[in-house]
Amino acid sequence: MGQVKQRLTALNKIFGNRYLFEITSKDIEDFKAQRLAKEIKAATINRGMALLRSMFNRAKAWGRLRRPNPCDGMRKLRENNARMRFLSKVEIEKLCGACEGELLAFVKFGLNTGMRRGEIVALTWRDIDIHRGQIHILDSKSGKGRILQMNETVKGILLSLRKQPDSDLIFSSYFRKEFDEAVTAAELEDFTFHDLRHTFASHLVMSGVDLVTVSKLLGHTSIQMTMRYSHLSPEHQARAVGVLDGVFALKSGKIDTKRAQAEDSEGKAKDEVAVTTSSDAS
């Protein structure tokens, strides 16, 4: 619900004080252009347009709109889903060094869970089971809840945080401004909070964790979404096929290397004879 509220807020700033019949296709195209000019991701804009289209469709179903949906026929922006920025260990140290207090806890929580910003902000103390070491994620992008196992770092973070007097939420803010300032102070280029999720997944894969497990931890609905990290595990793949050295190490059927060497020497001798004969003939 957190991400939906963000999209509604963005739409409300432009269209909130206007009647439905006043909003034209050009108005919506202008809105898209303004969002692009602010360097908002195409995927975020597309989700906002989908929400707006759904609202107009609902208005038509309720009889509040008697003209075509102004969003109909609009083409989606091309999304760059291939982008994958993640931090090295040195960069992680620099980022954490630029954070303090609850912001540091927020960043470390993201690094160690791979959760989306909206998922973290929506967490309440009721979603935490310290004894079992589990986080119950109810508000997920996929619409399906999932249970995430926490490591000792996450447990330590949760135990260090004080409960808010007027809210059951674990974290008190999205820390947008504070996070951006920390990124600048750490001199990190082209890095967003969502990239902490990529950092979480990338380091798991590079440490040898299989893609199926990483996919489940990220809450991906398809393993294809996790395949973007597959190129980060060449050593793990080498170890995997190396297992067959022991499995297929048969006692019988050894390769006769002496025979192979003899055949190779015989072939070279024939080539030399052929060259000599050719030279004599000329």
Protein backbone atom coordinates (compact mmCIF):
# COMPACT_ATOMS: atom_id res chain seq x y z
CA MET A 1 0.00 0.00 0.00
CA GLY A 2 2.92 2.35 0.61
CA GLN A 3 3.90 2.50 -3.08
CA VAL A 4 0.27 3.04 -4.12
CA LYS A 5 0.05 6.01 -1.75
CA GLN A 6 3.18 7.52 -3.33
CA ARG A 7 1.66 7.20 -6.81
CA LEU A 8 -1.64 8.70 -5.63
CA THR A 9 0.22 11.62 -4.08
CA ALA A 10 2.05 12.33 -7.35
CA LEU A 11 -1.20 12.15 -9.35
CA ASN A 12 -3.10 14.26 -6.82
CA LYS A 13 -0.60 17.13 -7.10
CA ILE A 14 -1.48 17.57 -10.78
CA PHE A 15 -5.03 16.27 -11.15
CA GLY A 16 -6.45 16.45 -7.62
CA ASN A 17 -8.36 19.72 -8.07
CA ARG A 18 -9.83 18.90 -11.50
CA TYR A 19 -13.00 17.16 -12.65
CA LEU A 20 -12.68 13.92 -14.59
CA PHE A 21 -14.10 15.41 -17.79
CA GLU A 22 -11.46 18.14 -17.68
CA ILE A 23 -8.50 15.76 -17.87
CA THR A 24 -7.40 15.14 -21.45
CA SER A 25 -4.91 12.78 -23.06
CA LYS A 26 -2.59 15.75 -23.63
CA ASP A 27 -2.69 16.58 -19.92
CA ILE A 28 -1.59 13.07 -19.11
CA GLU A 29 1.19 13.15 -21.73
CA ASP A 30 2.40 16.46 -20.26
CA PHE A 31 2.40 14.85 -16.81
CA LYS A 32 4.54 11.99 -18.13
CA ALA A 33 6.96 14.47 -19.69
CA GLN A 34 7.26 16.42 -16.42
CA ARG A 35 8.02 13.20 -14.53
CA LEU A 36 10.68 12.23 -17.07
CA ALA A 37 12.25 15.68 -16.80
CA LYS A 38 12.65 15.07 -13.06
CA GLU A 39 14.57 11.88 -13.93
CA ILE A 40 11.92 9.62 -12.42
CA LYS A 41 12.31 6.04 -13.64
CA ALA A 42 10.20 4.88 -16.55
CA ALA A 43 8.96 1.93 -14.51
CA THR A 44 7.66 4.28 -11.78
CA ILE A 45 5.90 6.46 -14.36
CA ASN A 46 4.33 3.42 -16.01
CA ARG A 47 2.96 2.21 -12.68
CA GLY A 48 1.46 5.63 -12.07
CA MET A 49 -0.18 5.64 -15.50
CA ALA A 50 -1.58 2.17 -14.85
CA LEU A 51 -3.12 3.42 -11.62
CA LEU A 52 -4.62 6.46 -13.37
CA ARG A 53 -6.04 4.25 -16.13
CA SER A 54 -7.58 1.97 -13.52
CA MET A 55 -9.19 4.94 -11.77
CA PHE A 56 -10.79 6.14 -15.01
CA ASN A 57 -12.04 2.63 -15.75
CA ARG A 58 -13.57 2.44 -12.29
CA ALA A 59 -15.25 5.81 -12.83
CA LYS A 60 -16.78 4.52 -16.10
CA ALA A 61 -18.03 1.39 -14.35
CA TRP A 62 -19.72 3.59 -11.73
CA GLY A 63 -21.32 5.78 -14.39
CA ARG A 64 -19.26 8.85 -13.45
CA LEU A 65 -17.46 9.04 -16.82
CA ARG A 66 -19.32 8.94 -20.13
CA ARG A 67 -16.42 9.51 -22.50
CA PRO A 68 -13.50 7.27 -23.50
CA ASN A 69 -10.73 6.71 -20.98
CA PRO A 70 -8.08 9.38 -21.81
CA CYS A 71 -5.38 6.83 -20.92
CA ASP A 72 -6.50 4.41 -23.62
CA GLY A 73 -4.04 4.02 -26.47
CA MET A 74 -1.13 5.50 -24.52
CA ARG A 75 2.10 3.62 -25.01
CA LYS A 76 4.20 2.57 -22.06
CA LEU A 77 7.65 4.00 -21.63
CA ARG A 78 10.52 1.62 -22.32
CA GLU A 79 11.78 0.32 -18.99
CA ASN A 80 15.46 -0.28 -18.38
CA ASN A 81 15.19 -3.42 -16.27
CA ALA A 82 18.77 -4.41 -17.08
CA ARG A 83 20.28 -1.76 -14.80
CA MET A 84 21.95 -3.36 -11.80
CA ARG A 85 24.12 -1.21 -9.56
CA PHE A 86 25.51 -2.78 -6.40
CA LEU A 87 28.09 -1.75 -3.86
CA SER A 88 31.49 -3.31 -3.30
CA LYS A 89 32.56 -4.04 0.29
CA VAL A 90 34.61 -0.85 0.31
CA GLU A 91 31.61 1.20 -0.89
CA ILE A 92 29.39 -0.40 1.75
CA GLU A 93 31.83 0.76 4.43
CA LYS A 94 31.84 4.28 2.96
CA LEU A 95 28.03 4.45 2.90
CA CYS A 96 27.64 3.14 6.44
CA GLY A 97 30.34 5.56 7.58
CA ALA A 98 28.23 8.44 6.25
CA CYS A 99 25.15 7.30 8.21
CA GLU A 100 24.31 7.44 11.89
CA GLY A 101 21.47 6.73 14.28
CA GLU A 102 18.23 5.36 12.86
CA LEU A 103 19.37 6.06 9.29
CA LEU A 104 22.32 3.68 9.79
CA ALA A 105 19.95 1.04 11.17
CA PHE A 106 17.64 1.60 8.18
CA VAL A 107 20.47 1.18 5.65
CA LYS A 108 21.96 -1.89 7.34
CA PHE A 109 18.49 -3.42 7.55
CA GLY A 110 18.09 -3.01 3.79
CA LEU A 111 21.55 -4.44 3.10
CA ASN A 112 20.92 -7.53 5.21
CA THR A 113 17.33 -8.30 4.13
CA GLY A 114 17.11 -7.18 0.50
CA MET A 115 13.69 -5.75 1.28
CA ARG A 116 12.21 -2.90 -0.74
CA ARG A 117 12.05 0.51 0.89
CA GLY A 118 8.24 0.41 1.03
CA GLU A 119 8.31 -3.03 2.63
CA ILE A 120 10.72 -1.86 5.34
CA VAL A 121 8.76 1.28 6.14
CA ALA A 122 5.51 -0.71 6.36
CA LEU A 123 6.93 -3.17 8.92
CA THR A 124 5.38 -3.20 12.37
CA TRP A 125 6.58 -4.94 15.52
CA ARG A 126 3.75 -7.45 15.02
CA ASP A 127 5.51 -8.59 11.83
CA ILE A 128 8.65 -9.59 13.76
CA ASP A 129 9.25 -12.96 15.41
CA ILE A 130 12.59 -12.62 17.19
CA HIS A 131 12.45 -16.09 18.72
CA ARG A 132 12.07 -17.81 15.33
CA GLY A 133 14.24 -15.21 13.59
CA GLN A 134 11.52 -14.38 11.06
CA ILE A 135 10.17 -11.26 9.36
CA HIS A 136 6.61 -11.52 8.05
CA ILE A 137 6.30 -9.31 4.97
CA LEU A 138 2.62 -8.63 4.34
CA ASP A 139 2.80 -5.59 2.04
CA SER A 140 4.78 -6.94 -0.93
CA LYS A 141 5.03 -5.67 -4.51
CA SER A 142 3.92 -9.06 -5.83
CA GLY A 143 0.77 -8.91 -3.71
CA LYS A 144 1.80 -12.09 -1.93
CA GLY A 145 3.20 -12.12 1.57
CA ARG A 146 6.41 -13.95 2.40
CA ILE A 147 8.45 -14.94 5.43
CA LEU A 148 12.08 -13.85 5.51
CA GLN A 149 14.69 -15.34 7.81
CA MET A 150 16.81 -12.74 9.57
CA ASN A 151 20.54 -12.96 10.30
CA GLU A 152 22.22 -11.93 13.55
CA THR A 153 22.90 -8.42 12.22
CA VAL A 154 19.19 -7.81 11.64
CA LYS A 155 18.33 -9.22 15.06
CA GLY A 156 20.83 -6.83 16.62
CA ILE A 157 19.34 -3.88 14.73
CA LEU A 158 15.80 -4.68 15.87
CA LEU A 159 16.85 -5.16 19.48
CA SER A 160 18.66 -1.80 19.43
CA LEU A 161 15.65 0.17 18.19
CA ARG A 162 13.21 1.75 20.59
CA LYS A 163 9.50 1.49 19.97
CA GLN A 164 7.83 4.70 18.86
CA PRO A 165 5.42 6.04 21.48
CA ASP A 166 2.64 6.85 19.01
CA SER A 167 3.12 4.18 16.32
CA ASP A 168 3.66 0.43 15.95
CA LEU A 169 5.89 1.00 12.92
CA ILE A 170 9.50 -0.08 13.36
CA PHE A 171 11.07 2.81 11.42
CA SER A 172 9.87 6.39 11.75
CA SER A 173 10.62 7.64 8.22
CA TYR A 174 11.47 6.85 4.60
CA PHE A 175 14.74 8.77 5.14
CA ARG A 176 14.73 9.99 1.53
CA LYS A 177 16.61 13.25 2.08
CA GLU A 178 18.94 11.77 4.70
CA PHE A 179 19.82 8.80 2.51
CA ASP A 180 20.55 10.98 -0.52
CA GLU A 181 22.80 13.18 1.63
CA ALA A 182 24.66 10.09 2.90
CA VAL A 183 25.16 8.84 -0.68
CA THR A 184 26.60 12.22 -1.63
CA ALA A 185 28.85 12.29 1.42
CA ALA A 186 30.10 8.78 0.62
CA GLU A 187 30.83 9.94 -2.96
CA LEU A 188 28.80 7.12 -4.51
CA GLU A 189 27.70 7.63 -8.09
CA ASP A 190 24.43 6.47 -9.64
CA PHE A 191 23.15 4.82 -6.47
CA THR A 192 19.61 4.64 -5.07
CA PHE A 193 18.09 2.96 -2.03
CA HIS A 194 16.70 0.19 -4.24
CA ASP A 195 20.27 -0.67 -5.19
CA LEU A 196 20.75 -1.94 -1.63
CA ARG A 197 18.47 -4.77 -2.75
CA HIS A 198 20.78 -5.45 -5.70
CA THR A 199 23.75 -5.34 -3.33
CA PHE A 200 22.10 -7.90 -1.04
CA ALA A 201 21.40 -10.29 -3.94
CA SER A 202 24.73 -9.77 -5.71
CA HIS A 203 26.85 -10.57 -2.68
CA LEU A 204 24.77 -13.65 -1.90
CA VAL A 205 25.33 -14.98 -5.43
CA MET A 206 29.04 -14.12 -5.37
CA SER A 207 29.29 -16.00 -2.06
CA GLY A 208 27.93 -19.14 -3.68
CA VAL A 209 24.23 -19.00 -2.73
CA ASP A 210 22.12 -20.60 -5.47
CA LEU A 211 19.76 -18.49 -7.57
CA VAL A 212 16.63 -20.34 -6.45
CA THR A 213 17.31 -19.44 -2.82
CA VAL A 214 18.13 -15.82 -3.74
CA SER A 215 14.90 -15.64 -5.74
CA LYS A 216 12.87 -16.75 -2.72
CA LEU A 217 14.63 -14.28 -0.43
CA LEU A 218 13.88 -11.43 -2.85
CA GLY A 219 10.27 -12.53 -3.24
CA HIS A 220 10.52 -12.78 -7.02
CA THR A 221 7.51 -14.32 -8.72
CA SER A 222 9.71 -15.88 -11.40
CA ILE A 223 13.27 -17.23 -11.43
CA GLN A 224 13.76 -15.27 -14.66
CA MET A 225 13.78 -12.07 -12.61
CA THR A 226 16.73 -13.44 -10.62
CA MET A 227 18.74 -14.57 -13.64
CA ARG A 228 20.22 -11.06 -13.97
CA TYR A 229 22.59 -12.07 -11.16
CA SER A 230 23.72 -15.34 -12.80
CA HIS A 231 26.87 -13.83 -14.35
CA LEU A 232 28.19 -13.06 -10.86
CA SER A 233 28.74 -16.71 -9.94
CA PRO A 234 31.44 -18.13 -12.29
CA GLU A 235 33.46 -19.55 -9.38
CA HIS A 236 30.35 -21.11 -7.90
CA GLN A 237 29.50 -22.66 -11.27
CA ALA A 238 33.07 -23.98 -11.58
CA ARG A 239 32.77 -25.60 -8.16
CA ALA A 240 29.43 -27.08 -9.19
CA VAL A 241 30.73 -28.84 -12.32
CA GLY A 242 33.86 -29.79 -10.36
CA VAL A 243 31.68 -32.10 -8.29
CA LEU A 244 31.49 -34.38 -11.32
CA ASP A 245 35.25 -35.00 -11.12
CA GLY A 246 34.53 -37.16 -8.09
CA VAL A 247 31.26 -38.60 -9.34
CA PHE A 248 32.63 -39.75 -12.70
CA ALA A 249 36.12 -40.76 -11.54
CA LEU A 250 35.75 -44.35 -12.80
CA LYS A 251 38.49 -46.89 -12.11
CA SER A 252 38.12 -48.52 -15.52
CA GLY A 253 38.19 -47.00 -18.98
CA LYS A 254 41.22 -44.79 -18.46
CA ILE A 255 42.32 -42.71 -21.41
CA ASP A 256 45.45 -44.21 -23.10
CA THR A 257 47.56 -41.07 -23.25
CA LYS A 258 50.61 -42.96 -24.59
CA ARG A 259 48.61 -44.13 -27.57
CA ALA A 260 47.36 -40.62 -28.18
CA GLN A 261 50.92 -39.27 -28.04
CA ALA A 262 52.15 -42.02 -30.42
CA GLU A 263 49.38 -41.24 -32.92
CA ASP A 264 50.23 -37.56 -32.71
CA SER A 265 53.95 -38.27 -33.37
CA GLU A 266 53.08 -40.56 -36.31
CA GLY A 267 50.91 -37.88 -37.82
CA LYS A 268 53.69 -35.31 -37.57
CA ALA A 269 56.16 -37.72 -39.21
CA LYS A 270 53.81 -38.25 -42.16
CA ASP A 271 53.44 -34.50 -42.56
CA GLU A 272 57.22 -34.06 -42.63
CA VAL A 273 57.58 -36.82 -45.29
CA ALA A 274 54.90 -35.17 -47.39
CA VAL A 275 56.66 -31.82 -47.19
CA THR A 276 60.07 -33.36 -48.13
CA THR A 277 58.57 -35.22 -51.12
CA SER A 278 56.91 -32.08 -52.31
CA SER A 279 60.22 -30.19 -52.07
CA ASP A 280 62.11 -32.87 -54.07
CA ALA A 281 59.47 -32.84 -56.77
CA SER A 282 59.84 -29.10 -57.22
